[in-house]
């Protein structure tokens, strides 16, 4: 009984700690947006420059990796779906299957993992080194708010990059996957595109924007927060970078799971099942 109570108490402290961490991250989002609107010390052009640099690094330079990942993912999912649906006589459902697997589920998660591995680690280590080298204190001494000059441009650039990469991933996975599987199975292009168009719904646009937009915000806010948590020593930078990756993955996966669960619960409710 004592052991059970100890486990419950430990779980309660863990939940409380996670809620506090989430509240701090959300507060930093608000403060960075507020500082960007009210604080004009650094100038609008400088903020745009940081945003552009973040989009170039996170979005443009990740295109080769995203291309290979999308092509492989689309080809594998399309081949597996064709082979299984052909046995069941449901080839006309290929569009629905691909929209669900690629656009709604695999695309947002894989793009987020790539961004975390490439850009999330870079942002956390960069901000952490700036903190350790007292560059952030130098900005504050010049009257520049670090939240408006460091956090907000990286978050906004990250959101734009993730949305662009997700759209590119979906396009390459659906079209490139079809071209690859064309050498294996003879699937008419007209039938394939018509199946995709019939399967695509307005809810898919909402899910695309919601999952990818918030995933981009989660990744870069968490990584900036962890970078700013460095005290004085540069030896803390690898630790906060690792923690940023872990927390980003957890938050992104949980958020995607919640959105998916709410979406399908709403569908079941509309059908009268629940």
C-alpha atoms as a PDB file:
ATOM      1  CA  UNK A   1       0.000   0.000   0.000  1.00  0.00           C
ATOM      2  CA  UNK A   2       2.856   2.354   0.873  1.00  0.00           C
ATOM      3  CA  UNK A   3       4.538   1.593  -2.445  1.00  0.00           C
ATOM      4  CA  UNK A   4       1.322   2.361  -4.334  1.00  0.00           C
ATOM      5  CA  UNK A   5       0.914   5.691  -2.539  1.00  0.00           C
ATOM      6  CA  UNK A   6       4.527   6.558  -3.312  1.00  0.00           C
ATOM      7  CA  UNK A   7       3.962   5.827  -7.009  1.00  0.00           C
ATOM      8  CA  UNK A   8       0.808   7.965  -7.042  1.00  0.00           C
ATOM      9  CA  UNK A   9       2.656  10.812  -5.316  1.00  0.00           C
ATOM     10  CA  UNK A  10       5.530  10.547  -7.808  1.00  0.00           C
ATOM     11  CA  UNK A  11       3.083  10.576 -10.715  1.00  0.00           C
ATOM     12  CA  UNK A  12       1.344  13.641  -9.268  1.00  0.00           C
ATOM     13  CA  UNK A  13       4.633  15.526  -8.957  1.00  0.00           C
ATOM     14  CA  UNK A  14       5.544  14.566 -12.525  1.00  0.00           C
ATOM     15  CA  UNK A  15       2.205  15.811 -13.880  1.00  0.00           C
ATOM     16  CA  UNK A  16       2.521  19.054 -11.913  1.00  0.00           C
ATOM     17  CA  UNK A  17       6.053  19.583 -13.219  1.00  0.00           C
ATOM     18  CA  UNK A  18       4.935  19.001 -16.814  1.00  0.00           C
ATOM     19  CA  UNK A  19       2.033  21.419 -16.405  1.00  0.00           C
ATOM     20  CA  UNK A  20       4.359  24.070 -15.000  1.00  0.00           C
ATOM     21  CA  UNK A  21       6.758  23.547 -17.900  1.00  0.00           C
ATOM     22  CA  UNK A  22       3.903  23.879 -20.404  1.00  0.00           C
ATOM     23  CA  UNK A  23       2.670  27.057 -18.705  1.00  0.00           C
ATOM     24  CA  UNK A  24       6.155  28.600 -18.868  1.00  0.00           C
ATOM     25  CA  UNK A  25       6.505  27.759 -22.551  1.00  0.00           C
ATOM     26  CA  UNK A  26       3.088  29.247 -23.362  1.00  0.00           C
ATOM     27  CA  UNK A  27       3.944  32.354 -21.332  1.00  0.00           C
ATOM     28  CA  UNK A  28       7.117  32.799 -23.356  1.00  0.00           C
ATOM     29  CA  UNK A  29       5.059  32.693 -26.572  1.00  0.00           C
ATOM     30  CA  UNK A  30       2.861  35.511 -25.287  1.00  0.00           C
ATOM     31  CA  UNK A  31       5.775  37.579 -23.985  1.00  0.00           C
ATOM     32  CA  UNK A  32       7.764  37.219 -27.223  1.00  0.00           C
ATOM     33  CA  UNK A  33       4.773  38.315 -29.311  1.00  0.00           C
ATOM     34  CA  UNK A  34       4.086  41.216 -26.966  1.00  0.00           C
ATOM     35  CA  UNK A  35       7.723  42.290 -26.979  1.00  0.00           C
ATOM     36  CA  UNK A  36       7.833  42.204 -30.788  1.00  0.00           C
ATOM     37  CA  UNK A  37       4.800  44.475 -31.040  1.00  0.00           C
ATOM     38  CA  UNK A  38       5.810  46.936 -28.331  1.00  0.00           C
ATOM     39  CA  UNK A  39       9.618  46.881 -28.486  1.00  0.00           C
ATOM     40  CA  UNK A  40      11.046  48.651 -31.530  1.00  0.00           C
ATOM     41  CA  UNK A  41      14.673  48.956 -30.387  1.00  0.00           C
ATOM     42  CA  UNK A  42      16.056  46.411 -32.844  1.00  0.00           C
ATOM     43  CA  UNK A  43      14.031  47.563 -35.852  1.00  0.00           C
ATOM     44  CA  UNK A  44      11.697  45.713 -38.189  1.00  0.00           C
ATOM     45  CA  UNK A  45      14.363  45.050 -40.816  1.00  0.00           C
ATOM     46  CA  UNK A  46      16.570  43.160 -38.360  1.00  0.00           C
ATOM     47  CA  UNK A  47      13.669  40.927 -37.327  1.00  0.00           C
ATOM     48  CA  UNK A  48      12.849  40.158 -40.962  1.00  0.00           C
ATOM     49  CA  UNK A  49      16.508  39.281 -41.535  1.00  0.00           C
ATOM     50  CA  UNK A  50      16.492  36.758 -38.681  1.00  0.00           C
ATOM     51  CA  UNK A  51      13.201  35.281 -39.937  1.00  0.00           C
ATOM     52  CA  UNK A  52      14.601  34.926 -43.458  1.00  0.00           C
ATOM     53  CA  UNK A  53      17.760  33.248 -42.187  1.00  0.00           C
ATOM     54  CA  UNK A  54      15.678  30.810 -40.145  1.00  0.00           C
ATOM     55  CA  UNK A  55      13.464  29.969 -43.135  1.00  0.00           C
ATOM     56  CA  UNK A  56      16.530  29.429 -45.325  1.00  0.00           C
ATOM     57  CA  UNK A  57      18.175  27.085 -42.837  1.00  0.00           C
ATOM     58  CA  UNK A  58      15.079  25.215 -41.649  1.00  0.00           C
ATOM     59  CA  UNK A  59      13.105  25.118 -44.872  1.00  0.00           C
ATOM     60  CA  UNK A  60      15.291  25.480 -47.940  1.00  0.00           C
ATOM     61  CA  UNK A  61      18.313  23.506 -46.761  1.00  0.00           C
ATOM     62  CA  UNK A  62      16.104  20.635 -45.558  1.00  0.00           C
ATOM     63  CA  UNK A  63      14.526  20.063 -48.982  1.00  0.00           C
ATOM     64  CA  UNK A  64      16.972  17.310 -50.127  1.00  0.00           C
ATOM     65  CA  UNK A  65      16.379  15.260 -46.983  1.00  0.00           C
ATOM     66  CA  UNK A  66      12.620  15.827 -47.121  1.00  0.00           C
ATOM     67  CA  UNK A  67      12.598  14.827 -50.801  1.00  0.00           C
ATOM     68  CA  UNK A  68      14.256  11.475 -50.142  1.00  0.00           C
ATOM     69  CA  UNK A  69      12.081  10.807 -47.096  1.00  0.00           C
ATOM     70  CA  UNK A  70       8.860  11.761 -48.890  1.00  0.00           C
ATOM     71  CA  UNK A  71       9.698   9.725 -51.986  1.00  0.00           C
ATOM     72  CA  UNK A  72      10.493   6.640 -49.936  1.00  0.00           C
ATOM     73  CA  UNK A  73       7.466   7.043 -47.667  1.00  0.00           C
ATOM     74  CA  UNK A  74       5.052   7.636 -50.537  1.00  0.00           C
ATOM     75  CA  UNK A  75       6.384   4.721 -52.560  1.00  0.00           C
ATOM     76  CA  UNK A  76       6.277   2.263 -49.658  1.00  0.00           C
ATOM     77  CA  UNK A  77       2.778   3.263 -48.523  1.00  0.00           C
ATOM     78  CA  UNK A  78       1.442   3.215 -52.089  1.00  0.00           C
ATOM     79  CA  UNK A  79       2.930  -0.191 -52.872  1.00  0.00           C
ATOM     80  CA  UNK A  80       1.645  -1.701 -49.634  1.00  0.00           C
ATOM     81  CA  UNK A  81      -1.819  -0.208 -50.071  1.00  0.00           C
ATOM     82  CA  UNK A  82      -2.100  -1.330 -53.689  1.00  0.00           C
ATOM     83  CA  UNK A  83      -1.054  -4.894 -52.915  1.00  0.00           C
ATOM     84  CA  UNK A  84      -3.429  -5.229 -49.954  1.00  0.00           C
ATOM     85  CA  UNK A  85      -6.391  -3.343 -51.418  1.00  0.00           C
ATOM     86  CA  UNK A  86      -6.117  -5.314 -54.682  1.00  0.00           C
ATOM     87  CA  UNK A  87      -6.499  -8.573 -52.762  1.00  0.00           C
ATOM     88  CA  UNK A  88      -9.598  -7.187 -51.023  1.00  0.00           C
ATOM     89  CA  UNK A  89     -11.040  -5.665 -54.187  1.00  0.00           C
ATOM     90  CA  UNK A  90     -10.971  -2.134 -52.815  1.00  0.00           C
ATOM     91  CA  UNK A  91      -8.569  -0.383 -55.179  1.00  0.00           C
ATOM     92  CA  UNK A  92     -11.009   2.536 -55.479  1.00  0.00           C
ATOM     93  CA  UNK A  93     -10.235   3.346 -51.835  1.00  0.00           C
ATOM     94  CA  UNK A  94      -6.573   4.069 -52.582  1.00  0.00           C
ATOM     95  CA  UNK A  95      -7.119   7.834 -52.407  1.00  0.00           C
ATOM     96  CA  UNK A  96      -8.754   7.705 -48.978  1.00  0.00           C
ATOM     97  CA  UNK A  97      -5.969   5.498 -47.647  1.00  0.00           C
ATOM     98  CA  UNK A  98      -3.197   7.786 -48.926  1.00  0.00           C
ATOM     99  CA  UNK A  99      -4.833  10.971 -47.642  1.00  0.00           C
ATOM    100  CA  UNK A 100      -5.206   9.455 -44.188  1.00  0.00           C
ATOM    101  CA  UNK A 101      -1.741   7.905 -44.011  1.00  0.00           C
ATOM    102  CA  UNK A 102       0.350  10.645 -45.654  1.00  0.00           C
ATOM    103  CA  UNK A 103      -1.464  13.979 -45.380  1.00  0.00           C
ATOM    104  CA  UNK A 104      -3.079  13.486 -41.977  1.00  0.00           C
ATOM    105  CA  UNK A 105      -0.685  11.248 -40.066  1.00  0.00           C
ATOM    106  CA  UNK A 106       2.758  10.383 -41.489  1.00  0.00           C
ATOM    107  CA  UNK A 107       3.520  13.739 -43.132  1.00  0.00           C
ATOM    108  CA  UNK A 108       3.165  16.039 -40.090  1.00  0.00           C
ATOM    109  CA  UNK A 109       5.000  13.638 -37.792  1.00  0.00           C
ATOM    110  CA  UNK A 110       7.938  12.877 -40.097  1.00  0.00           C
ATOM    111  CA  UNK A 111       8.439  16.528 -41.047  1.00  0.00           C
ATOM    112  CA  UNK A 112       8.388  17.514 -37.378  1.00  0.00           C
ATOM    113  CA  UNK A 113      10.983  14.857 -36.509  1.00  0.00           C
ATOM    114  CA  UNK A 114      13.282  16.046 -39.302  1.00  0.00           C
ATOM    115  CA  UNK A 115      12.945  19.682 -38.182  1.00  0.00           C
ATOM    116  CA  UNK A 116      13.650  18.709 -34.573  1.00  0.00           C
ATOM    117  CA  UNK A 117      16.760  16.761 -35.580  1.00  0.00           C
ATOM    118  CA  UNK A 118      18.131  19.490 -37.874  1.00  0.00           C
ATOM    119  CA  UNK A 119      16.891  22.868 -36.697  1.00  0.00           C
ATOM    120  CA  UNK A 120      15.671  22.248 -33.166  1.00  0.00           C
ATOM    121  CA  UNK A 121      19.090  21.100 -32.005  1.00  0.00           C
ATOM    122  CA  UNK A 122      20.751  24.003 -33.816  1.00  0.00           C
ATOM    123  CA  UNK A 123      18.445  26.602 -32.243  1.00  0.00           C
ATOM    124  CA  UNK A 124      18.781  25.177 -28.732  1.00  0.00           C
ATOM    125  CA  UNK A 125      22.581  25.040 -28.929  1.00  0.00           C
ATOM    126  CA  UNK A 126      22.815  28.487 -30.573  1.00  0.00           C
ATOM    127  CA  UNK A 127      20.638  30.210 -27.989  1.00  0.00           C
ATOM    128  CA  UNK A 128      22.362  28.269 -25.205  1.00  0.00           C
ATOM    129  CA  UNK A 129      25.795  29.412 -26.376  1.00  0.00           C
ATOM    130  CA  UNK A 130      24.539  32.989 -26.644  1.00  0.00           C
ATOM    131  CA  UNK A 131      23.357  32.729 -23.068  1.00  0.00           C
ATOM    132  CA  UNK A 132      26.621  31.198 -21.844  1.00  0.00           C
ATOM    133  CA  UNK A 133      28.744  33.788 -23.675  1.00  0.00           C
ATOM    134  CA  UNK A 134      26.631  36.642 -22.255  1.00  0.00           C
ATOM    135  CA  UNK A 135      25.561  37.815 -25.712  1.00  0.00           C
ATOM    136  CA  UNK A 136      21.972  38.034 -24.495  1.00  0.00           C
ATOM    137  CA  UNK A 137      23.066  40.319 -21.656  1.00  0.00           C
ATOM    138  CA  UNK A 138      24.831  42.491 -24.233  1.00  0.00           C
ATOM    139  CA  UNK A 139      21.586  42.786 -26.202  1.00  0.00           C
ATOM    140  CA  UNK A 140      19.706  43.758 -23.065  1.00  0.00           C
ATOM    141  CA  UNK A 141      22.311  46.414 -22.268  1.00  0.00           C
ATOM    142  CA  UNK A 142      21.642  47.941 -25.705  1.00  0.00           C
ATOM    143  CA  UNK A 143      17.921  48.042 -24.957  1.00  0.00           C
ATOM    144  CA  UNK A 144      17.037  45.099 -27.243  1.00  0.00           C
ATOM    145  CA  UNK A 145      14.567  42.590 -25.869  1.00  0.00           C
ATOM    146  CA  UNK A 146      15.905  39.031 -26.465  1.00  0.00           C
ATOM    147  CA  UNK A 147      12.357  37.677 -26.766  1.00  0.00           C
ATOM    148  CA  UNK A 148      11.591  39.926 -29.733  1.00  0.00           C
ATOM    149  CA  UNK A 149      15.000  39.609 -31.413  1.00  0.00           C
ATOM    150  CA  UNK A 150      15.868  35.963 -30.695  1.00  0.00           C
ATOM    151  CA  UNK A 151      12.716  33.985 -29.866  1.00  0.00           C
ATOM    152  CA  UNK A 152       9.953  35.474 -32.016  1.00  0.00           C
ATOM    153  CA  UNK A 153      11.824  35.473 -35.393  1.00  0.00           C
ATOM    154  CA  UNK A 154      12.906  31.858 -34.907  1.00  0.00           C
ATOM    155  CA  UNK A 155       9.410  30.748 -33.931  1.00  0.00           C
ATOM    156  CA  UNK A 156       7.738  32.542 -36.837  1.00  0.00           C
ATOM    157  CA  UNK A 157      10.377  31.370 -39.310  1.00  0.00           C
ATOM    158  CA  UNK A 158      10.028  27.837 -37.948  1.00  0.00           C
ATOM    159  CA  UNK A 159       6.249  27.827 -38.382  1.00  0.00           C
ATOM    160  CA  UNK A 160       6.512  29.042 -41.993  1.00  0.00           C
ATOM    161  CA  UNK A 161       9.242  26.495 -42.724  1.00  0.00           C
ATOM    162  CA  UNK A 162       7.337  23.552 -41.252  1.00  0.00           C
ATOM    163  CA  UNK A 163       4.186  24.464 -43.200  1.00  0.00           C
ATOM    164  CA  UNK A 164       6.199  24.739 -46.431  1.00  0.00           C
ATOM    165  CA  UNK A 165       8.083  21.502 -45.809  1.00  0.00           C
ATOM    166  CA  UNK A 166       4.859  19.653 -44.976  1.00  0.00           C
ATOM    167  CA  UNK A 167       3.204  20.822 -48.214  1.00  0.00           C
ATOM    168  CA  UNK A 168       6.309  19.810 -50.183  1.00  0.00           C
ATOM    169  CA  UNK A 169       6.422  16.437 -48.396  1.00  0.00           C
ATOM    170  CA  UNK A 170       2.796  15.691 -49.288  1.00  0.00           C
ATOM    171  CA  UNK A 171       3.311  16.655 -52.935  1.00  0.00           C
ATOM    172  CA  UNK A 172       6.459  14.555 -53.379  1.00  0.00           C
ATOM    173  CA  UNK A 173       5.008  11.594 -51.460  1.00  0.00           C
ATOM    174  CA  UNK A 174       1.775  11.521 -53.482  1.00  0.00           C
ATOM    175  CA  UNK A 175       3.135  12.362 -56.948  1.00  0.00           C
ATOM    176  CA  UNK A 176       6.673  10.998 -56.651  1.00  0.00           C
ATOM    177  CA  UNK A 177       5.395   7.830 -55.009  1.00  0.00           C
ATOM    178  CA  UNK A 178       3.047   7.285 -57.924  1.00  0.00           C
ATOM    179  CA  UNK A 179       5.858   7.706 -60.466  1.00  0.00           C
ATOM    180  CA  UNK A 180       8.027   5.191 -58.623  1.00  0.00           C
ATOM    181  CA  UNK A 181       5.273   2.596 -58.310  1.00  0.00           C
ATOM    182  CA  UNK A 182       4.421   3.091 -61.992  1.00  0.00           C
ATOM    183  CA  UNK A 183       7.395   0.835 -62.779  1.00  0.00           C
ATOM    184  CA  UNK A 184       5.986  -1.915 -60.548  1.00  0.00           C
ATOM    185  CA  UNK A 185       2.212  -1.741 -61.017  1.00  0.00           C
ATOM    186  CA  UNK A 186       0.312  -0.231 -63.892  1.00  0.00           C
ATOM    187  CA  UNK A 187      -2.005   2.283 -62.253  1.00  0.00           C
ATOM    188  CA  UNK A 188      -3.718   4.820 -64.540  1.00  0.00           C
ATOM    189  CA  UNK A 189      -2.865   8.419 -63.688  1.00  0.00           C
ATOM    190  CA  UNK A 190      -6.452   9.600 -64.259  1.00  0.00           C
ATOM    191  CA  UNK A 191      -7.797   6.993 -61.855  1.00  0.00           C
ATOM    192  CA  UNK A 192      -5.138   7.866 -59.262  1.00  0.00           C
ATOM    193  CA  UNK A 193      -5.710  11.637 -59.347  1.00  0.00           C
ATOM    194  CA  UNK A 194      -9.489  11.217 -59.362  1.00  0.00           C
ATOM    195  CA  UNK A 195      -9.287   8.948 -56.318  1.00  0.00           C
ATOM    196  CA  UNK A 196      -7.163  11.528 -54.473  1.00  0.00           C
ATOM    197  CA  UNK A 197      -9.472  14.416 -55.360  1.00  0.00           C
ATOM    198  CA  UNK A 198     -12.546  12.498 -54.196  1.00  0.00           C
ATOM    199  CA  UNK A 199     -10.828  11.593 -50.927  1.00  0.00           C
ATOM    200  CA  UNK A 200      -9.603  15.123 -50.178  1.00  0.00           C
ATOM    201  CA  UNK A 201     -11.940  17.093 -47.906  1.00  0.00           C
ATOM    202  CA  UNK A 202     -11.976  20.545 -46.322  1.00  0.00           C
ATOM    203  CA  UNK A 203     -11.196  18.957 -42.951  1.00  0.00           C
ATOM    204  CA  UNK A 204      -7.820  17.914 -44.355  1.00  0.00           C
ATOM    205  CA  UNK A 205      -6.858  21.577 -44.832  1.00  0.00           C
ATOM    206  CA  UNK A 206      -7.731  22.314 -41.199  1.00  0.00           C
ATOM    207  CA  UNK A 207      -5.787  19.291 -39.945  1.00  0.00           C
ATOM    208  CA  UNK A 208      -2.813  20.216 -42.147  1.00  0.00           C
ATOM    209  CA  UNK A 209      -2.656  23.777 -40.808  1.00  0.00           C
ATOM    210  CA  UNK A 210      -3.344  22.765 -37.236  1.00  0.00           C
ATOM    211  CA  UNK A 211      -0.846  19.921 -36.961  1.00  0.00           C
ATOM    212  CA  UNK A 212       2.007  21.473 -38.909  1.00  0.00           C
ATOM    213  CA  UNK A 213       1.523  25.040 -37.717  1.00  0.00           C
ATOM    214  CA  UNK A 214       1.400  24.147 -34.040  1.00  0.00           C
ATOM    215  CA  UNK A 215       4.173  21.558 -34.424  1.00  0.00           C
ATOM    216  CA  UNK A 216       6.448  24.279 -35.798  1.00  0.00           C
ATOM    217  CA  UNK A 217       5.549  26.584 -32.926  1.00  0.00           C
ATOM    218  CA  UNK A 218       6.051  23.843 -30.322  1.00  0.00           C
ATOM    219  CA  UNK A 219       9.466  22.841 -31.667  1.00  0.00           C
ATOM    220  CA  UNK A 220      11.008  26.302 -31.765  1.00  0.00           C
ATOM    221  CA  UNK A 221       9.417  27.633 -28.588  1.00  0.00           C
ATOM    222  CA  UNK A 222      10.612  24.608 -26.622  1.00  0.00           C
ATOM    223  CA  UNK A 223      14.109  24.792 -28.141  1.00  0.00           C
ATOM    224  CA  UNK A 224      14.402  28.536 -27.451  1.00  0.00           C
ATOM    225  CA  UNK A 225      13.148  28.028 -23.911  1.00  0.00           C
ATOM    226  CA  UNK A 226      15.700  25.302 -23.252  1.00  0.00           C
ATOM    227  CA  UNK A 227      18.470  27.428 -24.746  1.00  0.00           C
ATOM    228  CA  UNK A 228      17.549  30.355 -22.520  1.00  0.00           C
ATOM    229  CA  UNK A 229      17.578  28.070 -19.476  1.00  0.00           C
ATOM    230  CA  UNK A 230      21.379  27.842 -19.655  1.00  0.00           C
ATOM    231  CA  UNK A 231      22.903  29.560 -16.640  1.00  0.00           C
ATOM    232  CA  UNK A 232      26.572  30.427 -17.163  1.00  0.00           C
ATOM    233  CA  UNK A 233      28.547  27.346 -18.147  1.00  0.00           C
ATOM    234  CA  UNK A 234      28.944  26.225 -21.798  1.00  0.00           C
ATOM    235  CA  UNK A 235      28.914  22.647 -20.497  1.00  0.00           C
ATOM    236  CA  UNK A 236      25.160  22.994 -20.004  1.00  0.00           C
ATOM    237  CA  UNK A 237      24.541  23.482 -23.735  1.00  0.00           C
ATOM    238  CA  UNK A 238      24.630  19.767 -24.749  1.00  0.00           C
ATOM    239  CA  UNK A 239      22.344  18.937 -21.836  1.00  0.00           C
ATOM    240  CA  UNK A 240      19.701  21.536 -22.699  1.00  0.00           C
ATOM    241  CA  UNK A 241      19.930  20.565 -26.378  1.00  0.00           C
ATOM    242  CA  UNK A 242      19.178  16.945 -25.529  1.00  0.00           C
ATOM    243  CA  UNK A 243      16.334  18.033 -23.266  1.00  0.00           C
ATOM    244  CA  UNK A 244      14.962  20.261 -26.040  1.00  0.00           C
ATOM    245  CA  UNK A 245      14.873  17.322 -28.468  1.00  0.00           C
ATOM    246  CA  UNK A 246      13.172  15.044 -25.935  1.00  0.00           C
ATOM    247  CA  UNK A 247      10.564  17.611 -24.905  1.00  0.00           C
ATOM    248  CA  UNK A 248       9.872  18.647 -28.500  1.00  0.00           C
ATOM    249  CA  UNK A 249       9.260  15.055 -29.591  1.00  0.00           C
ATOM    250  CA  UNK A 250       6.974  14.393 -26.621  1.00  0.00           C
ATOM    251  CA  UNK A 251       4.929  17.564 -27.120  1.00  0.00           C
ATOM    252  CA  UNK A 252       4.623  17.088 -30.891  1.00  0.00           C
ATOM    253  CA  UNK A 253       3.589  13.427 -30.654  1.00  0.00           C
ATOM    254  CA  UNK A 254       1.058  14.145 -27.892  1.00  0.00           C
ATOM    255  CA  UNK A 255      -0.375  17.100 -29.808  1.00  0.00           C
ATOM    256  CA  UNK A 256      -0.730  15.065 -33.021  1.00  0.00           C
ATOM    257  CA  UNK A 257      -2.380  12.270 -31.067  1.00  0.00           C
ATOM    258  CA  UNK A 258      -4.862  14.651 -29.446  1.00  0.00           C
ATOM    259  CA  UNK A 259      -5.795  16.264 -32.778  1.00  0.00           C
ATOM    260  CA  UNK A 260      -6.258  12.862 -34.436  1.00  0.00           C
ATOM    261  CA  UNK A 261      -8.348  11.536 -31.537  1.00  0.00           C
ATOM    262  CA  UNK A 262     -10.586  14.626 -31.476  1.00  0.00           C
ATOM    263  CA  UNK A 263     -11.051  14.519 -35.248  1.00  0.00           C
ATOM    264  CA  UNK A 264     -12.131  10.879 -35.349  1.00  0.00           C
ATOM    265  CA  UNK A 265     -14.289  11.237 -32.245  1.00  0.00           C
ATOM    266  CA  UNK A 266     -16.073  14.089 -33.990  1.00  0.00           C
ATOM    267  CA  UNK A 267     -16.564  11.907 -37.051  1.00  0.00           C
ATOM    268  CA  UNK A 268     -17.976   9.080 -34.960  1.00  0.00           C
ATOM    269  CA  UNK A 269     -20.286  11.547 -33.218  1.00  0.00           C
ATOM    270  CA  UNK A 270     -21.538  12.881 -36.550  1.00  0.00           C
ATOM    271  CA  UNK A 271     -22.297   9.300 -37.599  1.00  0.00           C
ATOM    272  CA  UNK A 272     -24.201   8.696 -34.369  1.00  0.00           C
ATOM    273  CA  UNK A 273     -21.818   5.997 -33.136  1.00  0.00           C
ATOM    274  CA  UNK A 274     -20.905   7.840 -29.918  1.00  0.00           C
END
